[in-house]
């Protein structure tokens, strides 16, 4: 099922007045919920592949994204660290250009608002800024790797 078919399904469900529709196929699960708030209809949906830890989401006009957390994986004692996650799906780059230095290294001290990486999505390069100050403990993604929505990118020690 491609994005166009999913968008058409969402529009159909939103106009039908149905409160919720669930569709499950081989590797795709889609849930569409519609709620009425005044005269505004709000529709949300989640598409997920069981083989991926992250939940993918798409946003079209008048649709609010569903915020979900990926399934918990066995982890080290990272509870004291803050995880910086990808806000979008795309390709992760540690440098602004191939001939430029990396934005941040393990051990680098960062401040709120510092650019940590760029993520290319649909030929647009989006700078990902830190929302916390601290020290980078671990970089969780290789340079030039594809990343999913909400995928952990960096571990930061806020102390």
C-alpha atoms as a PDB file:
ATOM      1  CA  UNK A   1       0.000   0.000   0.000  1.00  0.00           C
ATOM      2  CA  UNK A   2       1.575   3.287  -1.048  1.00  0.00           C
ATOM      3  CA  UNK A   3       1.238   6.740   0.514  1.00  0.00           C
ATOM      4  CA  UNK A   4      -1.359   7.912  -2.036  1.00  0.00           C
ATOM      5  CA  UNK A   5      -3.644   4.965  -1.224  1.00  0.00           C
ATOM      6  CA  UNK A   6      -3.252   5.613   2.505  1.00  0.00           C
ATOM      7  CA  UNK A   7      -4.082   9.304   2.062  1.00  0.00           C
ATOM      8  CA  UNK A   8      -7.195   8.409   0.028  1.00  0.00           C
ATOM      9  CA  UNK A   9      -8.255   5.939   2.736  1.00  0.00           C
ATOM     10  CA  UNK A  10      -7.844   8.624   5.416  1.00  0.00           C
ATOM     11  CA  UNK A  11      -9.928  11.114   3.454  1.00  0.00           C
ATOM     12  CA  UNK A  12     -12.615   8.493   2.887  1.00  0.00           C
ATOM     13  CA  UNK A  13     -12.780   7.573   6.591  1.00  0.00           C
ATOM     14  CA  UNK A  14     -12.796  11.252   7.645  1.00  0.00           C
ATOM     15  CA  UNK A  15     -15.755  11.980   5.352  1.00  0.00           C
ATOM     16  CA  UNK A  16     -17.683   8.820   6.284  1.00  0.00           C
ATOM     17  CA  UNK A  17     -18.286   9.777   9.920  1.00  0.00           C
ATOM     18  CA  UNK A  18     -16.815   6.506  11.240  1.00  0.00           C
ATOM     19  CA  UNK A  19     -15.013   6.873  14.588  1.00  0.00           C
ATOM     20  CA  UNK A  20     -12.243   4.310  13.999  1.00  0.00           C
ATOM     21  CA  UNK A  21     -11.009   1.942  11.278  1.00  0.00           C
ATOM     22  CA  UNK A  22      -8.296  -0.693  11.664  1.00  0.00           C
ATOM     23  CA  UNK A  23      -6.704  -2.357   8.651  1.00  0.00           C
ATOM     24  CA  UNK A  24      -4.119  -5.132   8.910  1.00  0.00           C
ATOM     25  CA  UNK A  25      -2.305  -6.677   5.970  1.00  0.00           C
ATOM     26  CA  UNK A  26       0.837  -8.841   5.759  1.00  0.00           C
ATOM     27  CA  UNK A  27       3.393  -6.319   7.035  1.00  0.00           C
ATOM     28  CA  UNK A  28       1.317  -3.180   7.527  1.00  0.00           C
ATOM     29  CA  UNK A  29      -1.083  -2.116  10.263  1.00  0.00           C
ATOM     30  CA  UNK A  30      -3.090   1.066   9.866  1.00  0.00           C
ATOM     31  CA  UNK A  31      -5.391   2.617  12.454  1.00  0.00           C
ATOM     32  CA  UNK A  32      -7.440   5.668  11.547  1.00  0.00           C
ATOM     33  CA  UNK A  33      -9.307   7.520  14.294  1.00  0.00           C
ATOM     34  CA  UNK A  34     -11.627  10.444  13.662  1.00  0.00           C
ATOM     35  CA  UNK A  35     -12.882  12.765  16.400  1.00  0.00           C
ATOM     36  CA  UNK A  36     -15.078  15.830  16.152  1.00  0.00           C
ATOM     37  CA  UNK A  37     -14.053  18.964  18.016  1.00  0.00           C
ATOM     38  CA  UNK A  38     -16.501  21.744  17.231  1.00  0.00           C
ATOM     39  CA  UNK A  39     -16.654  21.928  13.437  1.00  0.00           C
ATOM     40  CA  UNK A  40     -13.091  20.649  12.928  1.00  0.00           C
ATOM     41  CA  UNK A  41     -12.490  17.003  12.062  1.00  0.00           C
ATOM     42  CA  UNK A  42      -9.159  15.616  13.211  1.00  0.00           C
ATOM     43  CA  UNK A  43      -7.871  12.342  11.757  1.00  0.00           C
ATOM     44  CA  UNK A  44      -4.821  10.402  12.873  1.00  0.00           C
ATOM     45  CA  UNK A  45      -3.198   7.194  11.745  1.00  0.00           C
ATOM     46  CA  UNK A  46      -0.201   4.978  12.371  1.00  0.00           C
ATOM     47  CA  UNK A  47       1.509   2.726   9.863  1.00  0.00           C
ATOM     48  CA  UNK A  48       3.986   0.284  11.313  1.00  0.00           C
ATOM     49  CA  UNK A  49       6.081  -2.578  10.065  1.00  0.00           C
ATOM     50  CA  UNK A  50       6.670  -5.297  12.685  1.00  0.00           C
ATOM     51  CA  UNK A  51      10.308  -5.672  11.636  1.00  0.00           C
ATOM     52  CA  UNK A  52      11.086  -2.056  12.502  1.00  0.00           C
ATOM     53  CA  UNK A  53      11.428  -0.705  16.014  1.00  0.00           C
ATOM     54  CA  UNK A  54      10.252   2.791  15.086  1.00  0.00           C
ATOM     55  CA  UNK A  55       6.707   3.709  14.168  1.00  0.00           C
ATOM     56  CA  UNK A  56       6.368   5.540  10.885  1.00  0.00           C
ATOM     57  CA  UNK A  57       3.870   8.270  10.462  1.00  0.00           C
ATOM     58  CA  UNK A  58       2.752  10.518   7.677  1.00  0.00           C
ATOM     59  CA  UNK A  59       1.058  13.865   8.000  1.00  0.00           C
ATOM     60  CA  UNK A  60      -1.375  15.375   5.504  1.00  0.00           C
ATOM     61  CA  UNK A  61      -3.443  18.568   5.899  1.00  0.00           C
ATOM     62  CA  UNK A  62      -5.846  18.563   8.886  1.00  0.00           C
ATOM     63  CA  UNK A  63      -4.231  15.449  10.336  1.00  0.00           C
ATOM     64  CA  UNK A  64      -2.508  15.353  13.693  1.00  0.00           C
ATOM     65  CA  UNK A  65       0.267  12.763  14.024  1.00  0.00           C
ATOM     66  CA  UNK A  66      -0.035   9.994  16.579  1.00  0.00           C
ATOM     67  CA  UNK A  67       2.780  10.161  19.104  1.00  0.00           C
ATOM     68  CA  UNK A  68       3.962   6.684  19.992  1.00  0.00           C
ATOM     69  CA  UNK A  69       7.054   5.132  21.495  1.00  0.00           C
ATOM     70  CA  UNK A  70       8.913   2.254  19.882  1.00  0.00           C
ATOM     71  CA  UNK A  71       8.949  -1.124  21.587  1.00  0.00           C
ATOM     72  CA  UNK A  72      11.418  -1.253  24.456  1.00  0.00           C
ATOM     73  CA  UNK A  73      14.670  -2.960  23.514  1.00  0.00           C
ATOM     74  CA  UNK A  74      17.157  -4.396  25.968  1.00  0.00           C
ATOM     75  CA  UNK A  75      19.494  -1.549  26.855  1.00  0.00           C
ATOM     76  CA  UNK A  76      22.513  -0.657  28.850  1.00  0.00           C
ATOM     77  CA  UNK A  77      22.271   1.605  31.893  1.00  0.00           C
ATOM     78  CA  UNK A  78      21.504   4.728  29.862  1.00  0.00           C
ATOM     79  CA  UNK A  79      18.838   5.996  32.258  1.00  0.00           C
ATOM     80  CA  UNK A  80      20.960   8.951  33.360  1.00  0.00           C
ATOM     81  CA  UNK A  81      21.436  10.083  29.744  1.00  0.00           C
ATOM     82  CA  UNK A  82      19.069  12.055  27.530  1.00  0.00           C
ATOM     83  CA  UNK A  83      18.327  10.530  24.136  1.00  0.00           C
ATOM     84  CA  UNK A  84      18.087  12.883  21.179  1.00  0.00           C
ATOM     85  CA  UNK A  85      15.772  11.337  18.584  1.00  0.00           C
ATOM     86  CA  UNK A  86      15.128  11.943  14.912  1.00  0.00           C
ATOM     87  CA  UNK A  87      12.118  14.189  14.320  1.00  0.00           C
ATOM     88  CA  UNK A  88      11.781  12.997  10.699  1.00  0.00           C
ATOM     89  CA  UNK A  89      12.485  10.123   8.323  1.00  0.00           C
ATOM     90  CA  UNK A  90      15.508  10.637   6.080  1.00  0.00           C
ATOM     91  CA  UNK A  91      19.255  10.200   5.698  1.00  0.00           C
ATOM     92  CA  UNK A  92      21.504  11.105   8.651  1.00  0.00           C
ATOM     93  CA  UNK A  93      24.663  13.162   8.001  1.00  0.00           C
ATOM     94  CA  UNK A  94      27.206  14.154  10.643  1.00  0.00           C
ATOM     95  CA  UNK A  95      28.748  16.890   8.429  1.00  0.00           C
ATOM     96  CA  UNK A  96      27.200  19.883   6.667  1.00  0.00           C
ATOM     97  CA  UNK A  97      29.202  18.960   3.522  1.00  0.00           C
ATOM     98  CA  UNK A  98      31.695  16.203   2.601  1.00  0.00           C
ATOM     99  CA  UNK A  99      34.675  18.570   2.937  1.00  0.00           C
ATOM    100  CA  UNK A 100      33.538  20.091   6.265  1.00  0.00           C
ATOM    101  CA  UNK A 101      34.208  18.837   9.826  1.00  0.00           C
ATOM    102  CA  UNK A 102      31.545  16.909  11.756  1.00  0.00           C
ATOM    103  CA  UNK A 103      29.055  18.857  13.854  1.00  0.00           C
ATOM    104  CA  UNK A 104      29.680  16.882  17.057  1.00  0.00           C
ATOM    105  CA  UNK A 105      31.950  14.083  18.295  1.00  0.00           C
ATOM    106  CA  UNK A 106      31.721  11.752  21.277  1.00  0.00           C
ATOM    107  CA  UNK A 107      32.959  13.826  24.222  1.00  0.00           C
ATOM    108  CA  UNK A 108      31.909  17.155  22.658  1.00  0.00           C
ATOM    109  CA  UNK A 109      30.180  19.627  24.955  1.00  0.00           C
ATOM    110  CA  UNK A 110      26.998  20.951  23.390  1.00  0.00           C
ATOM    111  CA  UNK A 111      24.633  23.767  24.272  1.00  0.00           C
ATOM    112  CA  UNK A 112      20.927  24.086  23.674  1.00  0.00           C
ATOM    113  CA  UNK A 113      20.421  25.157  20.042  1.00  0.00           C
ATOM    114  CA  UNK A 114      23.709  23.705  18.717  1.00  0.00           C
ATOM    115  CA  UNK A 115      23.376  21.852  15.405  1.00  0.00           C
ATOM    116  CA  UNK A 116      24.188  18.158  15.945  1.00  0.00           C
ATOM    117  CA  UNK A 117      23.573  16.743  12.451  1.00  0.00           C
ATOM    118  CA  UNK A 118      21.500  17.171   9.312  1.00  0.00           C
ATOM    119  CA  UNK A 119      18.809  14.844   8.028  1.00  0.00           C
ATOM    120  CA  UNK A 120      18.044  14.870   4.339  1.00  0.00           C
ATOM    121  CA  UNK A 121      14.387  14.325   3.523  1.00  0.00           C
ATOM    122  CA  UNK A 122      13.044  14.783   0.000  1.00  0.00           C
ATOM    123  CA  UNK A 123      16.202  16.642  -1.135  1.00  0.00           C
ATOM    124  CA  UNK A 124      15.939  19.103   1.775  1.00  0.00           C
ATOM    125  CA  UNK A 125      18.648  19.194   4.440  1.00  0.00           C
ATOM    126  CA  UNK A 126      17.151  19.748   7.895  1.00  0.00           C
ATOM    127  CA  UNK A 127      19.487  20.869  10.676  1.00  0.00           C
ATOM    128  CA  UNK A 128      18.780  18.991  13.900  1.00  0.00           C
ATOM    129  CA  UNK A 129      19.461  21.211  16.904  1.00  0.00           C
ATOM    130  CA  UNK A 130      20.027  20.094  20.464  1.00  0.00           C
ATOM    131  CA  UNK A 131      17.219  20.752  22.903  1.00  0.00           C
ATOM    132  CA  UNK A 132      19.536  20.142  25.869  1.00  0.00           C
ATOM    133  CA  UNK A 133      22.991  21.144  27.041  1.00  0.00           C
ATOM    134  CA  UNK A 134      25.540  18.543  28.030  1.00  0.00           C
ATOM    135  CA  UNK A 135      28.208  16.198  26.752  1.00  0.00           C
ATOM    136  CA  UNK A 136      27.752  13.703  23.900  1.00  0.00           C
ATOM    137  CA  UNK A 137      28.282  10.203  25.297  1.00  0.00           C
ATOM    138  CA  UNK A 138      27.420   8.133  22.231  1.00  0.00           C
ATOM    139  CA  UNK A 139      26.481   8.614  18.574  1.00  0.00           C
ATOM    140  CA  UNK A 140      23.945   5.890  17.793  1.00  0.00           C
ATOM    141  CA  UNK A 141      23.773   6.203  13.979  1.00  0.00           C
ATOM    142  CA  UNK A 142      26.448   5.854  11.297  1.00  0.00           C
ATOM    143  CA  UNK A 143      27.051   8.733   8.896  1.00  0.00           C
ATOM    144  CA  UNK A 144      24.962   8.576   5.701  1.00  0.00           C
ATOM    145  CA  UNK A 145      22.560   6.008   7.205  1.00  0.00           C
ATOM    146  CA  UNK A 146      18.788   6.065   6.785  1.00  0.00           C
ATOM    147  CA  UNK A 147      16.897   6.967   9.959  1.00  0.00           C
ATOM    148  CA  UNK A 148      13.273   6.541  10.974  1.00  0.00           C
ATOM    149  CA  UNK A 149      10.984   8.895  12.854  1.00  0.00           C
ATOM    150  CA  UNK A 150      11.735   8.838  16.604  1.00  0.00           C
ATOM    151  CA  UNK A 151      14.928   6.785  16.125  1.00  0.00           C
ATOM    152  CA  UNK A 152      17.570   7.546  18.782  1.00  0.00           C
ATOM    153  CA  UNK A 153      20.514   9.508  17.330  1.00  0.00           C
ATOM    154  CA  UNK A 154      22.623  10.686  20.285  1.00  0.00           C
ATOM    155  CA  UNK A 155      23.017  10.012  24.000  1.00  0.00           C
ATOM    156  CA  UNK A 156      23.763  13.161  25.994  1.00  0.00           C
ATOM    157  CA  UNK A 157      24.951  13.413  29.599  1.00  0.00           C
ATOM    158  CA  UNK A 158      23.181  16.533  30.947  1.00  0.00           C
ATOM    159  CA  UNK A 159      25.397  16.827  34.046  1.00  0.00           C
END
